[in-house]
Amino acid sequence: MKPKVYLETSVISYLTGMPSRDLITVGRQQITHQWWESRKKDF
């Protein structure tokens, strides 16, 4: 059986959303972008 992954919708939101003015959201957007760049080859 091929492995499956559950992708939380906030990941997509952080990847595609406009940069936020809220510092916490900006941090989450940056972390999500860094994570996706390093892991997207695995999916």
Protein backbone atom coordinates (compact mmCIF):
# COMPACT_ATOMS: atom_id res chain seq x y z
CA MET A 1 0.00 0.00 0.00
CA LYS A 2 1.31 3.46 -0.92
CA PRO A 3 1.87 5.75 2.10
CA LYS A 4 -0.54 8.62 2.57
CA VAL A 5 -0.14 11.96 4.23
CA TYR A 6 -2.69 14.19 5.90
CA LEU A 7 -1.98 17.80 4.99
CA GLU A 8 -3.43 20.26 7.43
CA THR A 9 -5.13 23.07 5.50
CA SER A 10 -3.22 25.70 7.47
CA VAL A 11 -0.06 24.50 5.69
CA ILE A 12 -1.55 25.41 2.32
CA SER A 13 -2.84 28.68 3.73
CA TYR A 14 0.60 29.65 5.04
CA LEU A 15 2.25 28.68 1.75
CA THR A 16 -0.13 30.57 -0.53
CA GLY A 17 -1.30 33.47 1.61
CA MET A 18 -0.17 37.05 1.39
CA PRO A 19 2.53 38.01 3.89
CA SER A 20 0.92 38.93 7.18
CA ARG A 21 1.53 41.95 9.40
CA ASP A 22 1.07 39.79 12.49
CA LEU A 23 4.47 38.68 13.80
CA ILE A 24 3.29 35.25 14.91
CA THR A 25 1.66 34.56 11.54
CA VAL A 26 4.77 35.80 9.71
CA GLY A 27 6.86 33.37 11.73
CA ARG A 28 4.53 30.51 10.92
CA GLN A 29 4.57 31.43 7.23
CA GLN A 30 8.38 31.47 7.20
CA ILE A 31 8.68 28.16 9.04
CA THR A 32 6.12 26.57 6.71
CA HIS A 33 7.99 27.80 3.63
CA GLN A 34 11.30 26.48 4.98
CA TRP A 35 9.78 23.13 5.90
CA TRP A 36 8.09 22.76 2.51
CA GLU A 37 11.28 23.57 0.61
CA SER A 38 13.19 20.93 2.53
CA ARG A 39 10.51 18.21 2.47
CA LYS A 40 8.49 18.61 -0.75
CA LYS A 41 10.66 16.04 -2.53
CA ASP A 42 9.33 13.45 -0.09
CA PHE A 43 5.73 13.84 -1.25
